[in-house]
Amino acid sequence: MPRSNYSYFLSDYINLNFYVLFSAILLVIITGYFLFIDKVKGWGRVGPALIFAGGMLNLIERAFTGCVKDYLNFFGLFYYNIFDVLVSLGLAVFIFYYLKKDGK
Protein backbone atom coordinates (compact mmCIF):
# COMPACT_ATOMS: atom_id res chain seq x y z
CA MET A 1 0.00 0.00 0.00
CA PRO A 2 1.65 3.27 -1.08
CA ARG A 3 2.04 6.20 1.26
CA SER A 4 1.35 9.70 0.00
CA ASN A 5 3.79 12.42 0.94
CA TYR A 6 2.12 15.84 0.72
CA SER A 7 4.78 17.89 2.48
CA TYR A 8 7.72 19.55 0.76
CA PHE A 9 10.54 21.90 1.75
CA LEU A 10 9.11 25.19 3.08
CA SER A 11 5.55 23.98 2.42
CA ASP A 12 4.25 26.28 5.17
CA TYR A 13 5.64 29.35 3.39
CA ILE A 14 5.48 28.82 -0.38
CA ASN A 15 2.82 27.36 -2.65
CA LEU A 16 3.22 24.17 -4.67
CA ASN A 17 3.47 25.86 -8.08
CA PHE A 18 6.34 28.10 -6.98
CA TYR A 19 8.10 25.15 -5.35
CA VAL A 20 7.88 22.99 -8.49
CA LEU A 21 8.99 25.80 -10.81
CA PHE A 22 11.87 26.95 -8.59
CA SER A 23 13.05 23.37 -7.98
CA ALA A 24 12.95 22.52 -11.69
CA ILE A 25 14.97 25.63 -12.60
CA LEU A 26 17.49 24.90 -9.85
CA LEU A 27 17.78 21.27 -10.95
CA VAL A 28 18.43 22.27 -14.57
CA ILE A 29 21.07 24.86 -13.56
CA ILE A 30 22.96 22.51 -11.23
CA THR A 31 22.85 19.58 -13.67
CA GLY A 32 23.92 21.85 -16.53
CA TYR A 33 26.85 23.11 -14.49
CA PHE A 34 28.21 19.65 -13.79
CA LEU A 35 27.62 18.31 -17.28
CA PHE A 36 28.75 21.28 -19.38
CA ILE A 37 30.85 23.68 -17.30
CA ASP A 38 32.64 21.31 -14.91
CA LYS A 39 33.02 18.90 -17.86
CA VAL A 40 32.66 15.64 -15.97
CA LYS A 41 33.56 12.64 -18.12
CA GLY A 42 32.50 9.00 -18.36
CA TRP A 43 30.76 7.64 -15.26
CA GLY A 44 30.78 11.13 -13.79
CA ARG A 45 27.99 12.03 -16.22
CA VAL A 46 25.78 9.19 -14.97
CA GLY A 47 25.49 10.65 -11.46
CA PRO A 48 24.05 14.07 -12.43
CA ALA A 49 21.85 12.42 -15.08
CA LEU A 50 20.30 10.06 -12.51
CA ILE A 51 19.84 12.90 -10.02
CA PHE A 52 18.20 15.02 -12.72
CA ALA A 53 15.90 12.21 -13.87
CA GLY A 54 14.80 11.26 -10.36
CA GLY A 55 14.35 14.87 -9.28
CA MET A 56 12.34 15.83 -12.34
CA LEU A 57 10.13 12.76 -12.11
CA ASN A 58 9.45 13.56 -8.45
CA LEU A 59 8.57 17.14 -9.40
CA ILE A 60 6.30 16.00 -12.23
CA GLU A 61 4.44 13.61 -9.94
CA ARG A 62 4.10 16.33 -7.29
CA ALA A 63 2.87 18.88 -9.87
CA PHE A 64 0.18 16.57 -11.27
CA THR A 65 -0.98 14.81 -8.10
CA GLY A 66 0.00 17.27 -5.36
CA CYS A 67 2.00 14.55 -3.61
CA VAL A 68 4.67 11.94 -4.14
CA LYS A 69 3.64 8.33 -3.55
CA ASP A 70 6.17 6.12 -1.79
CA TYR A 71 5.77 2.54 -3.00
CA LEU A 72 8.92 0.88 -1.63
CA ASN A 73 8.66 -0.19 2.00
CA PHE A 74 11.93 -1.08 3.73
CA PHE A 75 10.77 -3.28 6.62
CA GLY A 76 8.47 -0.55 7.92
CA LEU A 77 11.48 1.63 8.79
CA PHE A 78 11.19 4.07 5.90
CA TYR A 79 9.42 4.45 2.58
CA TYR A 80 10.86 5.36 -0.82
CA ASN A 81 9.69 5.68 -4.36
CA ILE A 82 11.68 4.68 -7.41
CA PHE A 83 12.49 8.32 -8.16
CA ASP A 84 14.12 8.71 -4.74
CA VAL A 85 16.18 5.61 -5.50
CA LEU A 86 17.38 7.24 -8.74
CA VAL A 87 18.43 10.38 -6.85
CA SER A 88 20.22 8.37 -4.15
CA LEU A 89 21.98 6.15 -6.69
CA GLY A 90 23.00 9.20 -8.72
CA LEU A 91 24.42 10.86 -5.63
CA ALA A 92 26.39 7.72 -4.76
CA VAL A 93 27.82 7.49 -8.29
CA PHE A 94 28.65 11.19 -8.27
CA ILE A 95 30.43 11.05 -4.89
CA PHE A 96 32.35 7.92 -5.93
CA TYR A 97 33.42 9.64 -9.17
CA TYR A 98 34.76 12.70 -7.33
CA LEU A 99 36.52 10.65 -4.67
CA LYS A 100 38.18 8.55 -7.36
CA LYS A 101 39.03 11.66 -9.40
CA ASP A 102 40.71 13.38 -6.43
CA GLY A 103 42.64 10.21 -5.58
CA LYS A 104 44.53 10.25 -8.90
C-alpha atoms as a PDB file:
ATOM      1  CA  MET A   1       0.000   0.000   0.000  1.00  0.00           C
ATOM      2  CA  PRO A   2       1.652   3.270  -1.081  1.00  0.00           C
ATOM      3  CA  ARG A   3       2.038   6.203   1.259  1.00  0.00           C
ATOM      4  CA  SER A   4       1.348   9.696  -0.004  1.00  0.00           C
ATOM      5  CA  ASN A   5       3.789  12.424   0.944  1.00  0.00           C
ATOM      6  CA  TYR A   6       2.122  15.838   0.715  1.00  0.00           C
ATOM      7  CA  SER A   7       4.779  17.894   2.478  1.00  0.00           C
ATOM      8  CA  TYR A   8       7.723  19.550   0.762  1.00  0.00           C
ATOM      9  CA  PHE A   9      10.535  21.897   1.753  1.00  0.00           C
ATOM     10  CA  LEU A  10       9.107  25.191   3.076  1.00  0.00           C
ATOM     11  CA  SER A  11       5.549  23.983   2.423  1.00  0.00           C
ATOM     12  CA  ASP A  12       4.251  26.278   5.172  1.00  0.00           C
ATOM     13  CA  TYR A  13       5.637  29.348   3.394  1.00  0.00           C
ATOM     14  CA  ILE A  14       5.481  28.823  -0.381  1.00  0.00           C
ATOM     15  CA  ASN A  15       2.823  27.358  -2.650  1.00  0.00           C
ATOM     16  CA  LEU A  16       3.218  24.175  -4.666  1.00  0.00           C
ATOM     17  CA  ASN A  17       3.469  25.861  -8.080  1.00  0.00           C
ATOM     18  CA  PHE A  18       6.338  28.097  -6.981  1.00  0.00           C
ATOM     19  CA  TYR A  19       8.097  25.149  -5.349  1.00  0.00           C
ATOM     20  CA  VAL A  20       7.877  22.993  -8.485  1.00  0.00           C
ATOM     21  CA  LEU A  21       8.992  25.803 -10.806  1.00  0.00           C
ATOM     22  CA  PHE A  22      11.872  26.952  -8.588  1.00  0.00           C
ATOM     23  CA  SER A  23      13.051  23.375  -7.982  1.00  0.00           C
ATOM     24  CA  ALA A  24      12.946  22.522 -11.695  1.00  0.00           C
ATOM     25  CA  ILE A  25      14.972  25.628 -12.598  1.00  0.00           C
ATOM     26  CA  LEU A  26      17.491  24.899  -9.847  1.00  0.00           C
ATOM     27  CA  LEU A  27      17.780  21.270 -10.947  1.00  0.00           C
ATOM     28  CA  VAL A  28      18.431  22.270 -14.574  1.00  0.00           C
ATOM     29  CA  ILE A  29      21.068  24.859 -13.563  1.00  0.00           C
ATOM     30  CA  ILE A  30      22.960  22.514 -11.231  1.00  0.00           C
ATOM     31  CA  THR A  31      22.851  19.583 -13.668  1.00  0.00           C
ATOM     32  CA  GLY A  32      23.922  21.849 -16.534  1.00  0.00           C
ATOM     33  CA  TYR A  33      26.853  23.114 -14.494  1.00  0.00           C
ATOM     34  CA  PHE A  34      28.205  19.654 -13.788  1.00  0.00           C
ATOM     35  CA  LEU A  35      27.619  18.309 -17.284  1.00  0.00           C
ATOM     36  CA  PHE A  36      28.748  21.283 -19.381  1.00  0.00           C
ATOM     37  CA  ILE A  37      30.848  23.678 -17.299  1.00  0.00           C
ATOM     38  CA  ASP A  38      32.642  21.311 -14.913  1.00  0.00           C
ATOM     39  CA  LYS A  39      33.025  18.899 -17.864  1.00  0.00           C
ATOM     40  CA  VAL A  40      32.663  15.639 -15.966  1.00  0.00           C
ATOM     41  CA  LYS A  41      33.559  12.641 -18.116  1.00  0.00           C
ATOM     42  CA  GLY A  42      32.505   8.997 -18.363  1.00  0.00           C
ATOM     43  CA  TRP A  43      30.760   7.640 -15.263  1.00  0.00           C
ATOM     44  CA  GLY A  44      30.783  11.129 -13.791  1.00  0.00           C
ATOM     45  CA  ARG A  45      27.990  12.027 -16.217  1.00  0.00           C
ATOM     46  CA  VAL A  46      25.782   9.195 -14.974  1.00  0.00           C
ATOM     47  CA  GLY A  47      25.485  10.650 -11.462  1.00  0.00           C
ATOM     48  CA  PRO A  48      24.053  14.068 -12.428  1.00  0.00           C
ATOM     49  CA  ALA A  49      21.852  12.424 -15.082  1.00  0.00           C
ATOM     50  CA  LEU A  50      20.301  10.062 -12.512  1.00  0.00           C
ATOM     51  CA  ILE A  51      19.836  12.900 -10.022  1.00  0.00           C
ATOM     52  CA  PHE A  52      18.202  15.018 -12.722  1.00  0.00           C
ATOM     53  CA  ALA A  53      15.897  12.208 -13.871  1.00  0.00           C
ATOM     54  CA  GLY A  54      14.800  11.258 -10.356  1.00  0.00           C
ATOM     55  CA  GLY A  55      14.346  14.871  -9.284  1.00  0.00           C
ATOM     56  CA  MET A  56      12.335  15.834 -12.343  1.00  0.00           C
ATOM     57  CA  LEU A  57      10.131  12.756 -12.109  1.00  0.00           C
ATOM     58  CA  ASN A  58       9.446  13.557  -8.453  1.00  0.00           C
ATOM     59  CA  LEU A  59       8.567  17.138  -9.400  1.00  0.00           C
ATOM     60  CA  ILE A  60       6.301  15.996 -12.228  1.00  0.00           C
ATOM     61  CA  GLU A  61       4.443  13.615  -9.939  1.00  0.00           C
ATOM     62  CA  ARG A  62       4.095  16.326  -7.292  1.00  0.00           C
ATOM     63  CA  ALA A  63       2.874  18.875  -9.873  1.00  0.00           C
ATOM     64  CA  PHE A  64       0.182  16.567 -11.265  1.00  0.00           C
ATOM     65  CA  THR A  65      -0.984  14.812  -8.099  1.00  0.00           C
ATOM     66  CA  GLY A  66       0.001  17.266  -5.357  1.00  0.00           C
ATOM     67  CA  CYS A  67       1.996  14.552  -3.614  1.00  0.00           C
ATOM     68  CA  VAL A  68       4.674  11.937  -4.136  1.00  0.00           C
ATOM     69  CA  LYS A  69       3.643   8.330  -3.545  1.00  0.00           C
ATOM     70  CA  ASP A  70       6.168   6.125  -1.793  1.00  0.00           C
ATOM     71  CA  TYR A  71       5.774   2.537  -3.002  1.00  0.00           C
ATOM     72  CA  LEU A  72       8.921   0.881  -1.635  1.00  0.00           C
ATOM     73  CA  ASN A  73       8.665  -0.190   2.000  1.00  0.00           C
ATOM     74  CA  PHE A  74      11.929  -1.076   3.733  1.00  0.00           C
ATOM     75  CA  PHE A  75      10.765  -3.283   6.616  1.00  0.00           C
ATOM     76  CA  GLY A  76       8.465  -0.554   7.917  1.00  0.00           C
ATOM     77  CA  LEU A  77      11.478   1.632   8.787  1.00  0.00           C
ATOM     78  CA  PHE A  78      11.192   4.071   5.898  1.00  0.00           C
ATOM     79  CA  TYR A  79       9.419   4.447   2.580  1.00  0.00           C
ATOM     80  CA  TYR A  80      10.855   5.357  -0.822  1.00  0.00           C
ATOM     81  CA  ASN A  81       9.688   5.677  -4.360  1.00  0.00           C
ATOM     82  CA  ILE A  82      11.679   4.683  -7.415  1.00  0.00           C
ATOM     83  CA  PHE A  83      12.493   8.324  -8.161  1.00  0.00           C
ATOM     84  CA  ASP A  84      14.123   8.711  -4.735  1.00  0.00           C
ATOM     85  CA  VAL A  85      16.180   5.613  -5.497  1.00  0.00           C
ATOM     86  CA  LEU A  86      17.380   7.242  -8.739  1.00  0.00           C
ATOM     87  CA  VAL A  87      18.431  10.384  -6.852  1.00  0.00           C
ATOM     88  CA  SER A  88      20.217   8.366  -4.149  1.00  0.00           C
ATOM     89  CA  LEU A  89      21.976   6.146  -6.686  1.00  0.00           C
ATOM     90  CA  GLY A  90      23.004   9.195  -8.721  1.00  0.00           C
ATOM     91  CA  LEU A  91      24.420  10.862  -5.631  1.00  0.00           C
ATOM     92  CA  ALA A  92      26.386   7.717  -4.758  1.00  0.00           C
ATOM     93  CA  VAL A  93      27.823   7.486  -8.295  1.00  0.00           C
ATOM     94  CA  PHE A  94      28.652  11.188  -8.269  1.00  0.00           C
ATOM     95  CA  ILE A  95      30.426  11.049  -4.895  1.00  0.00           C
ATOM     96  CA  PHE A  96      32.353   7.923  -5.934  1.00  0.00           C
ATOM     97  CA  TYR A  97      33.416   9.643  -9.169  1.00  0.00           C
ATOM     98  CA  TYR A  98      34.759  12.701  -7.328  1.00  0.00           C
ATOM     99  CA  LEU A  99      36.521  10.652  -4.665  1.00  0.00           C
ATOM    100  CA  LYS A 100      38.176   8.554  -7.357  1.00  0.00           C
ATOM    101  CA  LYS A 101      39.035  11.657  -9.401  1.00  0.00           C
ATOM    102  CA  ASP A 102      40.713  13.376  -6.432  1.00  0.00           C
ATOM    103  CA  GLY A 103      42.639  10.214  -5.580  1.00  0.00           C
ATOM    104  CA  LYS A 104      44.534  10.246  -8.899  1.00  0.00           C
END
